[in-house]
Amino acid sequence: MNSRKNFKTGQLQRTALALALGLGFTGLAFGQATTGSIFGQVPAGSGESVLVKSTSGITRQVAVDASGRYAVDSLPLGNYTVTLQHDGQAVDSRSNVTLRVGSGTEVSFGAHDAQNLSAVTVQANALPTIDVSGVDSRTVITAEQLARLPLARSAEAIALLAPGVVQGSGLFTNLTGGSVVSFGGSSVTENAYYINGFNTTDPLSGFGGITLPYGAIDQQEIMSGGYGAAYGRSDGGVISQVGKRGTNEWHFGGQVQWTPKTLRADPKNWYYVNKDGSQGKMRQYRQNNKSWTTTVDAYVGGPLIQDKLFLFAAVEAERQQGESTGANVAPFVDHYRYDNPKWYGKLDWNITDSNILELTGASSKSSYQGVFNDFDYATKTEGGFNSNDTHTKNGADVYSAKFTSYITDDLTVTALYGKMKGTWYSSVADYDPTYPYIFGAQDQNPDFNGGSTITNSQTVSTINLPGHRSTNTNLRVDVSYKLGDHTLTAGIDNQDQKNIDGGTKFPDAGLGYAWEYNDFGDPDTYVMGGPGTAQPGADWQNSPWVANTGSQAGGETGYYVARYRYHDNASVRVAQRAQYVEDSWQVNDRWLVKIGLRNDQFTNYNAVGQPYLRLTSPQWAPRVGFSWDVNGDSSFKVYGNAGRYYLALPTSVALRSAGTSLYTREYFTYTGIDANGIPTGLTPIDTYLGSGAPVSANGEYGQARDPKTSASTNLKSEYQDEYIFGFDKKLGDSWVYGAKATYRNLRNAIDDVGDNVSIIAKMNAMGIDPNSYDATRVPASILINPGSTSVFNIPKLGGGYYTVEMDWKNDFHFNTTMKRKYYGLNLYLEHPFDGKWFGKVDYVWSRSYGNSEGQVRSDIGQDDVSATVDWDYAATMDYANGALSNDRRHQIKAYGSYQIAPEWMVSGNLAILSGSPKTCLGYYGEAQTNPGLGYGPYYHFCKGEPSSPGATRNPWTYTLSLSAEYRPEWAGKKLAFNVMVNNVFDSQKITQTYPIEASSSYGRPYSMQTGRYVRFGASYDF
């Protein structure tokens, strides 16, 4: 390795990149890491060792090499003093060195008179301006920044500060009821969450993860790409939180925050949209949809044994209480209450200077209860008690242990093991089984309801199984060894997830079904299938069909109703295994290269413990990155990386793909609607299974699923390739600017195909005797790789299986293959905190396009992971290519704070985003038919014309939030008062609309920006 040392005016001019890894930096500061590193250079002859000591008792001493270089790796986060020693005596020191997670912090020492060995102490900057040891794309938000910035108190709100991260659909929530986010165009279930290195991602469906109490967050790392081979299972992004820890001084404090109802802006009412685009009648009265929120938190931290054993503990109790008026199809006022308790505890035991044990416990829960009162839309008045809402308790507890051993200066071993236990409870108090739930009341025949929707007092459709729970265990072992210019790391990353008694059902005391109204529009066209809808050469009568409404009394204008039943139940699990190796190679004094390789294996098990997916063949995920310290002084870095990232299927996929799900409809016309919204004068509509017979488009009739028929036998895991190239550069002494380009390509996805009709047609073409298998048992929801040839097992009546190979184009008749691509260009300008102010501005231009959003589908709120409408049969994907739901073409984000006086600080947060794409879905083709499996109006046609997503868009959104803090000198600055105004200008733009053109709800709002609210706070820190 080439080394270069120049001395100018007594100060060391160093090559920081060479110091960072080539000089011994181990490269253990991965994404999702919990540690940082310190490295630097020492003038020749001024010292032979460096001692680092943290306020939490961590002490490490390393030798300075012959070239005057040193490195101390895998250090827990905290404040450090770094001391240069000569003959065991302190020569020079730097105090207040604060580490940033996953990064290297440079602490170098200048030249001194070799005869003068008296100690000199200097206050160090928190971080070098540019970390030239990193090759990834990350944003780190510290506890100090969180205390200043006007943000909602959630991990997702913090993540939205990062470039390329956008709010997910409001139709989705995370596992405790909060919002979800999208990274770089990926779907909201493709992210990974960590607490102190333990994976807390939702084991059920991947919607979010368990997070820390807000005040317990030391740092939150937001990884948007490029992380090393040690981590995987995400092709979206990573939200990794590192909690606070105790130090050698006792500290305690608390905070109270209050968001009053009276200072909330009135939410805008929502209206239907008339066919001509004008505003229709009111859909939902929302002006009283307000709440108050109170949050109380407290913490304590300090030494149980000085320099040896430390404690940090925090609790948070949040209560939100308010009311919400439902839409006109559910005219009730919900008086609700959420209780969201969290706690966090951490023990740090410095067993010796070379061995550290960390124990973490955390919990996040959400409890909901509500009471429904009647509401009269004609008079806008609230009536009396109707019923109790479903009571839910969701959340999880996390426990983990991490052991770190610095065996030698060159060899470090870490081991982490933890378990997360989740509870997903729901119950219905005083459930009234008299009436069924009414779906689609807005699509009732107006000739029978007097022009106003008719419903009843039933507010419960389906509920979660009351015994639902989950477990998630995680074992990691990492070994790092320094060998000359190379730092070699290797390890395992194993995870097991269980979903126990998962599923939904209609309440046991109820009728077991709901009524679902629909307006087909054309009484002469079959509701499903019918003449002219079969594939070329096939007989339409051999495909699923439901006759036209006009053939029966009451259906003359295209209206019909369906008796809807749904139930699933299973205890399932997923085993995930991974091994990795990585080399951080210091090529020369300015070039660093990281080369890694990861191998993931995924096995999904059904309810009886049989694997229905074995994705265990080598799934090689190469990772390559570089960093070039252009000037050799950390003032200009050029970096890039390329990598492949695999994603496992969560446990919930088995509920429908490998369980015993029931999902049927019975079709009727009707000649009346009674006072409780129940159709009368029913006449069964003919179906391919018989008049009025239950029909399941996906073949889900409650039968047990053979695991060998759940998926294509040649199924491959979902994976994405990603490429990043960028630079960071100093601008003077106070600013940094840079640019980053990102390209993502989803190379393989998993979804289900429902077209068993085409499978049977292929079997007929193969000459298979139709009497040798049961055609009604040919699966109609099979996991596949969209765009690829699939091979299926079809059971024989006498035992064994037929092997049926389905060509994507010739057999399934698709005219497109799977596509999801993302391009992004990020430009930024940053002023790091200088004791008075900090600020950052990001601009992102991006494009997310294709025909597959990913595991879920935002435009229709479909949260069935890898079981969406997409790819079920060919007609649903015609003209599907366009802008994807998480596409935001332009994003401007700016945030920062300013100490305007010793006692006063102000801060702001601005987000300006272009609108999300709109989707218009309808019946198929110019004739507006319902071909194939006849799912209904989910084709990419609008009023009979092709309609690709993103042809029109929702409006731009503008959100400015401001806050101010007063920290008086007379209280020693331990007491603080603050106020935050979220969405100062009360911008309430529509963010998503209802996409089904055939429905009277088309174009109405699905979601809207949260209006202005004010939050007051008082805190005390001792």
Foldseek 3Di string as FASTA:
>chain_A
DAADWDADPQFTFFQVQCFCFLLAAQQPLFVLAQFEKEWEFEPPLQAFKKWKAFLAQQIDMDTQDPRRIDMDYDHGFGWMKIFGHHPRATQEIEGRAGGFGSAYAYDYDTDDDSVDRDYYYHHDDNGPPFGLNDFFDKDKDFLVNLVFFFFDQDLLRVLVQGPQKDWFFPLDAAQFRHTFIWHQLFHRQQEWEEENSHTFADQAFRNGGDDAGSNFFGMWMKGRDQTDQQDFQGPTIYTHTYGDWAGADKKKKKKKKKFDQVFFAFFDWFFFADPVRHTHHTFFDGRQVTKMKMKIKMKIKHAPPHSFKIKIKMKMWMKIWGWGAHTLLQGKIKGKMKIKIKMKMKMWGCVDSFKIKIKIKMWIKIKMWIWIFGADPVVRDTHGTQFIDKIWMKIKMKIKMKMWGCPDSFKIKMKMKMKIKIATAIDGPPADQPAAFEAPQLQDDCVFVVNGGFAASHDDHKDWDGRWMKMKMWIKMKMWGDDNQKIKMKIKIKMKMKTAFTKMFGDPPHPQWHKYKDALQDQQFWLEFDPPFDDPPDDSLLFWTWGGQCVDPQCVGRIKMKTKHKIWTAMWMKIKMKIKMKMFGDPYSFKIKIKMKMWMWMFIATRVGHTLDTQRDTDIKIKIKMWGPPVSRSAKIKMKMKIKHFHDGRRNLCRPLQTQMATWIFMWRADHADNNRRGHRTFFIAISVGTRDIDDLQLRHRDGDDSQFSAFPPAHTWMKMKIKIKMWHDDPPFKIKMKMKMKMWGPWAKAWAQQLSLQVVQCVVVVHDPVQADSSPNGRTHIHTWPQWGWGFGATPVGGTDITIAGNCPRLNAPDGWTWMKIKMKIKMWGDDPPFKIKMKIKMAMFIWTQDSGQAASQASGSSGRHDPPNRGRQQRVLATDGGQSDWRIKMWMWMKGRPDPFKIKIKIKIKTAAGKAAAWFADAQVRHQYRSSPGGNHQAANRHHHYIRPDGFGIDIKMKMKMKGQDVVVVSQKMKMKIKTRVVFAWTARHARHYNSGSRGGMGPGIDRGIIMMIMMMGMD
